Amino acid sequence: MHSMVVDLRSPREWRRKIQLFTSSLESALGGRLIMVVALPSPADTLYDSNVLVVLDELRPGDLEAVASLTPEGVSPLVVPEDDRQAVEAFSLAGGRRLWGRSDGGRAAETDRRPLLGGGTPGSQGEVQEA
């Protein structure tokens, strides 16, 4: 089961872009899409990303599939559902849970790989505002 929550304090255009991106991801990935967490604005970044895409697991071709659906201004970080550290980091950084399965994930740390951008995903960064 999926749920959707939209934080109305985020800019309207950003919310709309994330909603459309989430719909595209769900159409392409189906039940493999666990959640999408967006930072409050496109100018905010964590691990050089402003959106976290959580999949059940990372498979060959997943990064390319997400990249092909990514709209301008969205810089996603794609992780498997057991990467609780990335989910918590995005949540603590002010992320808004915009889409997620109600069954949750298991706690374990895994490597975080940015889909776009050239940051250092393993570093303990702070949210950067433009």
N, C-alpha and C. Protein backbone atom coordinates (compact mmCIF):
# COMPACT_ATOMS: atom_id res chain seq x y z
N MET A 1 0.84 -1.18 0.00
CA MET A 1 0.00 0.00 0.00
C MET A 1 0.89 1.24 0.00
N HIS A 2 0.53 2.21 -0.81
CA HIS A 2 1.28 3.46 -0.90
C HIS A 2 0.47 4.59 -0.27
N SER A 3 1.19 5.55 0.26
CA SER A 3 0.54 6.75 0.77
C SER A 3 1.26 7.96 0.21
N MET A 4 0.58 9.07 0.16
CA MET A 4 1.20 10.29 -0.36
C MET A 4 0.90 11.43 0.59
N VAL A 5 1.97 12.16 0.96
CA VAL A 5 1.86 13.32 1.82
C VAL A 5 2.62 14.46 1.15
N VAL A 6 2.00 15.61 1.05
CA VAL A 6 2.65 16.76 0.41
C VAL A 6 2.75 17.88 1.44
N ASP A 7 3.95 18.39 1.64
CA ASP A 7 4.17 19.51 2.55
C ASP A 7 3.85 20.80 1.79
N LEU A 8 2.81 21.47 2.19
CA LEU A 8 2.36 22.67 1.48
C LEU A 8 3.25 23.89 1.71
N ARG A 9 4.27 23.75 2.57
CA ARG A 9 5.22 24.86 2.77
C ARG A 9 6.29 24.90 1.69
N SER A 10 6.48 23.80 0.99
CA SER A 10 7.45 23.77 -0.12
C SER A 10 6.88 24.56 -1.29
N PRO A 11 7.76 25.13 -2.13
CA PRO A 11 7.25 25.88 -3.29
C PRO A 11 6.34 25.00 -4.15
N ARG A 12 5.25 25.59 -4.60
CA ARG A 12 4.24 24.85 -5.36
C ARG A 12 4.83 24.16 -6.59
N GLU A 13 5.67 24.86 -7.34
CA GLU A 13 6.27 24.28 -8.55
C GLU A 13 7.13 23.06 -8.20
N TRP A 14 7.86 23.14 -7.10
CA TRP A 14 8.70 22.03 -6.65
C TRP A 14 7.83 20.83 -6.27
N ARG A 15 6.76 21.09 -5.52
CA ARG A 15 5.85 20.00 -5.13
C ARG A 15 5.28 19.32 -6.36
N ARG A 16 4.87 20.10 -7.33
CA ARG A 16 4.28 19.54 -8.55
C ARG A 16 5.32 18.70 -9.32
N LYS A 17 6.53 19.22 -9.41
CA LYS A 17 7.60 18.49 -10.11
C LYS A 17 7.87 17.14 -9.44
N ILE A 18 7.91 17.14 -8.11
CA ILE A 18 8.17 15.91 -7.37
C ILE A 18 7.00 14.94 -7.51
N GLN A 19 5.79 15.45 -7.50
CA GLN A 19 4.62 14.58 -7.68
C GLN A 19 4.64 13.91 -9.05
N LEU A 20 4.96 14.67 -10.09
CA LEU A 20 5.03 14.10 -11.43
C LEU A 20 6.18 13.09 -11.55
N PHE A 21 7.33 13.42 -10.96
CA PHE A 21 8.48 12.52 -10.95
C PHE A 21 8.11 11.21 -10.25
N THR A 22 7.45 11.32 -9.11
CA THR A 22 7.04 10.14 -8.35
C THR A 22 6.07 9.28 -9.17
N SER A 23 5.14 9.90 -9.85
CA SER A 23 4.19 9.15 -10.69
C SER A 23 4.92 8.42 -11.81
N SER A 24 5.90 9.08 -12.42
CA SER A 24 6.69 8.44 -13.48
C SER A 24 7.48 7.26 -12.94
N LEU A 25 8.08 7.44 -11.76
CA LEU A 25 8.83 6.35 -11.15
C LEU A 25 7.92 5.17 -10.82
N GLU A 26 6.75 5.45 -10.30
CA GLU A 26 5.83 4.36 -9.95
C GLU A 26 5.39 3.61 -11.20
N SER A 27 5.12 4.34 -12.28
CA SER A 27 4.73 3.68 -13.53
C SER A 27 5.83 2.78 -14.06
N ALA A 28 7.08 3.25 -13.96
CA ALA A 28 8.21 2.50 -14.51
C ALA A 28 8.67 1.36 -13.59
N LEU A 29 8.62 1.58 -12.28
CA LEU A 29 9.21 0.63 -11.34
C LEU A 29 8.18 -0.16 -10.53
N GLY A 30 6.94 0.25 -10.58
CA GLY A 30 5.87 -0.46 -9.87
C GLY A 30 6.14 -0.59 -8.39
N GLY A 31 5.91 -1.78 -7.87
CA GLY A 31 6.07 -2.05 -6.44
C GLY A 31 7.49 -2.01 -5.94
N ARG A 32 8.45 -1.89 -6.83
CA ARG A 32 9.85 -1.79 -6.40
C ARG A 32 10.15 -0.42 -5.80
N LEU A 33 9.33 0.59 -6.13
CA LEU A 33 9.52 1.93 -5.58
C LEU A 33 8.95 1.94 -4.16
N ILE A 34 9.82 2.19 -3.19
CA ILE A 34 9.42 2.17 -1.79
C ILE A 34 9.03 3.56 -1.31
N MET A 35 9.86 4.56 -1.61
CA MET A 35 9.54 5.92 -1.20
C MET A 35 10.37 6.93 -1.97
N VAL A 36 9.86 8.17 -1.96
CA VAL A 36 10.57 9.31 -2.50
C VAL A 36 10.57 10.37 -1.42
N VAL A 37 11.75 10.89 -1.08
CA VAL A 37 11.86 11.94 -0.06
C VAL A 37 12.52 13.14 -0.74
N ALA A 38 11.82 14.27 -0.72
CA ALA A 38 12.35 15.49 -1.34
C ALA A 38 12.72 16.49 -0.27
N LEU A 39 13.84 17.16 -0.46
CA LEU A 39 14.19 18.26 0.43
C LEU A 39 13.22 19.41 0.16
N PRO A 40 13.11 20.37 1.08
CA PRO A 40 12.08 21.41 0.97
C PRO A 40 12.12 22.26 -0.30
N SER A 41 13.28 22.42 -0.92
CA SER A 41 13.36 23.19 -2.15
C SER A 41 14.44 22.59 -3.05
N PRO A 42 14.39 22.87 -4.35
CA PRO A 42 15.41 22.33 -5.24
C PRO A 42 16.80 22.87 -4.96
N ALA A 43 16.90 23.99 -4.26
CA ALA A 43 18.20 24.58 -3.94
C ALA A 43 18.89 23.87 -2.77
N ASP A 44 18.13 23.13 -1.97
CA ASP A 44 18.70 22.39 -0.85
C ASP A 44 19.34 21.10 -1.37
N THR A 45 20.50 20.75 -0.82
CA THR A 45 21.15 19.51 -1.25
C THR A 45 21.73 18.76 -0.06
N LEU A 46 21.78 17.45 -0.20
CA LEU A 46 22.41 16.55 0.74
C LEU A 46 23.01 15.45 -0.10
N TYR A 47 24.29 15.16 0.07
CA TYR A 47 25.00 14.21 -0.79
C TYR A 47 24.86 14.64 -2.25
N ASP A 48 24.91 15.94 -2.53
CA ASP A 48 24.76 16.51 -3.88
C ASP A 48 23.43 16.14 -4.53
N SER A 49 22.42 15.87 -3.72
CA SER A 49 21.11 15.48 -4.23
C SER A 49 20.02 16.25 -3.49
N ASN A 50 18.88 16.44 -4.16
CA ASN A 50 17.75 17.10 -3.51
C ASN A 50 16.54 16.18 -3.37
N VAL A 51 16.66 14.96 -3.88
CA VAL A 51 15.58 13.97 -3.79
C VAL A 51 16.20 12.60 -3.53
N LEU A 52 15.61 11.86 -2.61
CA LEU A 52 16.03 10.49 -2.33
C LEU A 52 14.99 9.55 -2.93
N VAL A 53 15.45 8.60 -3.74
CA VAL A 53 14.59 7.58 -4.33
C VAL A 53 14.99 6.25 -3.70
N VAL A 54 14.04 5.60 -3.04
CA VAL A 54 14.31 4.35 -2.34
C VAL A 54 13.62 3.22 -3.10
N LEU A 55 14.42 2.23 -3.51
CA LEU A 55 13.92 1.05 -4.21
C LEU A 55 14.05 -0.17 -3.30
N ASP A 56 13.32 -1.23 -3.61
CA ASP A 56 13.40 -2.44 -2.79
C ASP A 56 14.83 -2.98 -2.76
N GLU A 57 15.52 -2.90 -3.89
CA GLU A 57 16.94 -3.27 -4.01
C GLU A 57 17.47 -2.59 -5.26
N LEU A 58 18.78 -2.46 -5.35
CA LEU A 58 19.37 -1.89 -6.56
C LEU A 58 19.72 -3.02 -7.51
N ARG A 59 19.23 -2.90 -8.74
CA ARG A 59 19.48 -3.90 -9.78
C ARG A 59 20.17 -3.22 -10.96
N PRO A 60 20.84 -4.00 -11.80
CA PRO A 60 21.44 -3.41 -13.00
C PRO A 60 20.37 -2.68 -13.81
N GLY A 61 20.70 -1.48 -14.25
CA GLY A 61 19.78 -0.68 -15.05
C GLY A 61 18.90 0.26 -14.26
N ASP A 62 18.85 0.11 -12.93
CA ASP A 62 18.00 0.99 -12.13
C ASP A 62 18.42 2.45 -12.21
N LEU A 63 19.72 2.72 -12.11
CA LEU A 63 20.18 4.11 -12.15
C LEU A 63 19.85 4.75 -13.48
N GLU A 64 20.02 4.00 -14.56
CA GLU A 64 19.69 4.53 -15.89
C GLU A 64 18.20 4.77 -16.03
N ALA A 65 17.39 3.86 -15.50
CA ALA A 65 15.93 4.02 -15.57
C ALA A 65 15.48 5.27 -14.84
N VAL A 66 16.01 5.49 -13.63
CA VAL A 66 15.64 6.69 -12.87
C VAL A 66 16.15 7.94 -13.59
N ALA A 67 17.37 7.89 -14.10
CA ALA A 67 17.93 9.05 -14.81
C ALA A 67 17.07 9.43 -16.01
N SER A 68 16.53 8.45 -16.71
CA SER A 68 15.73 8.74 -17.90
C SER A 68 14.41 9.41 -17.55
N LEU A 69 13.98 9.32 -16.30
CA LEU A 69 12.72 9.90 -15.85
C LEU A 69 12.90 11.19 -15.06
N THR A 70 14.14 11.56 -14.79
CA THR A 70 14.43 12.68 -13.91
C THR A 70 14.25 14.02 -14.62
N PRO A 71 13.34 14.87 -14.10
CA PRO A 71 13.15 16.18 -14.71
C PRO A 71 14.28 17.15 -14.35
N GLU A 72 14.39 18.21 -15.12
CA GLU A 72 15.38 19.24 -14.86
C GLU A 72 15.18 19.82 -13.46
N GLY A 73 16.28 20.02 -12.75
CA GLY A 73 16.22 20.59 -11.42
C GLY A 73 16.13 19.55 -10.30
N VAL A 74 15.92 18.30 -10.67
CA VAL A 74 15.86 17.21 -9.69
C VAL A 74 17.17 16.44 -9.78
N SER A 75 17.82 16.26 -8.64
CA SER A 75 19.07 15.53 -8.58
C SER A 75 18.90 14.38 -7.58
N PRO A 76 18.49 13.20 -8.08
CA PRO A 76 18.17 12.12 -7.15
C PRO A 76 19.38 11.31 -6.68
N LEU A 77 19.25 10.82 -5.47
CA LEU A 77 20.14 9.81 -4.91
C LEU A 77 19.30 8.55 -4.83
N VAL A 78 19.74 7.45 -5.44
CA VAL A 78 18.99 6.21 -5.47
C VAL A 78 19.64 5.21 -4.53
N VAL A 79 18.84 4.67 -3.60
CA VAL A 79 19.36 3.72 -2.61
C VAL A 79 18.39 2.55 -2.45
N PRO A 80 18.91 1.42 -1.93
CA PRO A 80 18.01 0.30 -1.60
C PRO A 80 17.28 0.59 -0.29
N GLU A 81 16.19 -0.11 -0.06
CA GLU A 81 15.36 0.18 1.11
C GLU A 81 16.05 -0.09 2.44
N ASP A 82 17.12 -0.88 2.46
CA ASP A 82 17.79 -1.13 3.73
C ASP A 82 18.80 -0.05 4.09
N ASP A 83 18.89 1.00 3.30
CA ASP A 83 19.79 2.12 3.61
C ASP A 83 19.05 3.13 4.49
N ARG A 84 18.85 2.75 5.74
CA ARG A 84 18.12 3.60 6.69
C ARG A 84 18.88 4.90 6.97
N GLN A 85 20.21 4.88 6.87
CA GLN A 85 20.99 6.08 7.15
C GLN A 85 20.64 7.19 6.15
N ALA A 86 20.51 6.86 4.88
CA ALA A 86 20.17 7.87 3.87
C ALA A 86 18.77 8.41 4.11
N VAL A 87 17.82 7.53 4.43
CA VAL A 87 16.44 7.97 4.69
C VAL A 87 16.42 8.91 5.90
N GLU A 88 17.11 8.53 6.96
CA GLU A 88 17.15 9.36 8.15
C GLU A 88 17.85 10.69 7.88
N ALA A 89 18.94 10.67 7.12
CA ALA A 89 19.66 11.91 6.82
C ALA A 89 18.77 12.88 6.04
N PHE A 90 18.06 12.38 5.05
CA PHE A 90 17.16 13.24 4.28
C PHE A 90 16.02 13.76 5.15
N SER A 91 15.51 12.92 6.03
CA SER A 91 14.43 13.34 6.92
C SER A 91 14.91 14.40 7.90
N LEU A 92 16.07 14.19 8.49
CA LEU A 92 16.62 15.18 9.43
C LEU A 92 16.98 16.49 8.75
N ALA A 93 17.31 16.42 7.46
CA ALA A 93 17.68 17.61 6.71
C ALA A 93 16.46 18.42 6.28
N GLY A 94 15.32 17.99 6.69
CA GLY A 94 14.11 18.72 6.35
C GLY A 94 13.35 18.12 5.21
N GLY A 95 13.70 16.88 4.84
CA GLY A 95 13.00 16.23 3.74
C GLY A 95 11.55 15.98 4.10
N ARG A 96 10.75 15.91 3.09
CA ARG A 96 9.34 15.62 3.26
C ARG A 96 9.05 14.28 2.62
N ARG A 97 8.49 13.38 3.35
CA ARG A 97 8.16 12.06 2.77
C ARG A 97 6.96 12.26 1.86
N LEU A 98 7.19 12.11 0.58
CA LEU A 98 6.15 12.37 -0.40
C LEU A 98 5.49 11.10 -0.90
N TRP A 99 6.15 9.98 -0.75
CA TRP A 99 5.58 8.73 -1.25
C TRP A 99 6.24 7.60 -0.53
N GLY A 100 5.50 6.65 -0.01
CA GLY A 100 6.15 5.53 0.64
C GLY A 100 5.21 4.38 0.91
N ARG A 101 5.77 3.19 0.94
CA ARG A 101 4.99 2.00 1.30
C ARG A 101 4.87 1.97 2.81
N SER A 102 3.77 1.48 3.28
CA SER A 102 3.53 1.47 4.72
C SER A 102 4.28 0.36 5.44
N ASP A 103 4.88 -0.59 4.71
CA ASP A 103 5.53 -1.71 5.38
C ASP A 103 6.97 -1.42 5.80
N GLY A 104 7.53 -0.27 5.46
CA GLY A 104 8.85 0.13 5.93
C GLY A 104 9.98 -0.72 5.41
N GLY A 105 11.17 -0.52 5.99
CA GLY A 105 12.35 -1.26 5.56
C GLY A 105 13.14 -1.77 6.75
N ARG A 106 14.19 -2.49 6.48
CA ARG A 106 15.03 -3.03 7.52
C ARG A 106 16.24 -2.11 7.73
N ALA A 107 16.68 -2.00 8.96
CA ALA A 107 17.79 -1.11 9.27
C ALA A 107 19.12 -1.76 8.93
N ALA A 108 19.86 -1.14 8.05
CA ALA A 108 21.22 -1.58 7.71
C ALA A 108 21.86 -0.47 6.90
N GLU A 109 23.17 -0.31 7.03
CA GLU A 109 23.86 0.72 6.27
C GLU A 109 24.44 0.10 5.01
N THR A 110 24.24 0.78 3.88
CA THR A 110 24.82 0.35 2.62
C THR A 110 25.46 1.56 1.94
N ASP A 111 26.16 1.31 0.87
CA ASP A 111 26.78 2.38 0.12
C ASP A 111 25.73 3.24 -0.56
N ARG A 112 25.88 4.56 -0.46
CA ARG A 112 24.97 5.47 -1.14
C ARG A 112 25.66 5.96 -2.39
N ARG A 113 24.97 5.84 -3.53
CA ARG A 113 25.54 6.24 -4.79
C ARG A 113 24.69 7.32 -5.41
N PRO A 114 25.24 8.53 -5.64
CA PRO A 114 24.43 9.56 -6.28
C PRO A 114 24.17 9.20 -7.72
N LEU A 115 22.95 9.41 -8.16
CA LEU A 115 22.62 9.14 -9.54
C LEU A 115 23.18 10.23 -10.44
N LEU A 116 23.04 11.45 -10.03
CA LEU A 116 23.53 12.57 -10.81
C LEU A 116 24.43 13.41 -9.92
N GLY A 117 25.41 14.08 -10.46
CA GLY A 117 26.30 14.91 -9.67
C GLY A 117 27.54 14.14 -9.27
N GLY A 118 28.50 14.82 -8.71
CA GLY A 118 29.76 14.16 -8.41
C GLY A 118 30.20 14.32 -6.98
N GLY A 119 29.27 14.23 -6.04
CA GLY A 119 29.63 14.44 -4.65
C GLY A 119 30.26 13.22 -4.01
N THR A 120 30.44 13.31 -2.73
CA THR A 120 30.98 12.20 -1.97
C THR A 120 29.86 11.69 -1.08
N PRO A 121 29.11 10.68 -1.54
CA PRO A 121 27.93 10.24 -0.83
C PRO A 121 28.19 9.69 0.56
N GLY A 122 29.37 9.21 0.86
CA GLY A 122 29.63 8.66 2.17
C GLY A 122 29.96 9.71 3.21
N SER A 123 30.15 10.94 2.80
CA SER A 123 30.53 11.99 3.74
C SER A 123 29.34 12.43 4.57
N GLN A 124 29.62 12.89 5.77
CA GLN A 124 28.57 13.41 6.63
C GLN A 124 28.39 14.89 6.33
N GLY A 125 27.59 15.18 5.33
CA GLY A 125 27.41 16.56 4.90
C GLY A 125 26.22 17.20 5.55
N GLU A 126 26.16 18.50 5.47
CA GLU A 126 25.01 19.24 5.93
C GLU A 126 24.24 19.70 4.71
N VAL A 127 22.99 20.02 4.92
CA VAL A 127 22.19 20.53 3.82
C VAL A 127 22.79 21.87 3.40
N GLN A 128 22.95 22.01 2.12
CA GLN A 128 23.50 23.25 1.58
C GLN A 128 22.39 24.00 0.88
N GLU A 129 22.23 25.27 1.20
CA GLU A 129 21.22 26.07 0.54
C GLU A 129 21.91 27.02 -0.41
N ALA A 130 21.30 27.21 -1.58
CA ALA A 130 21.86 28.11 -2.59
C ALA A 130 21.60 29.55 -2.22
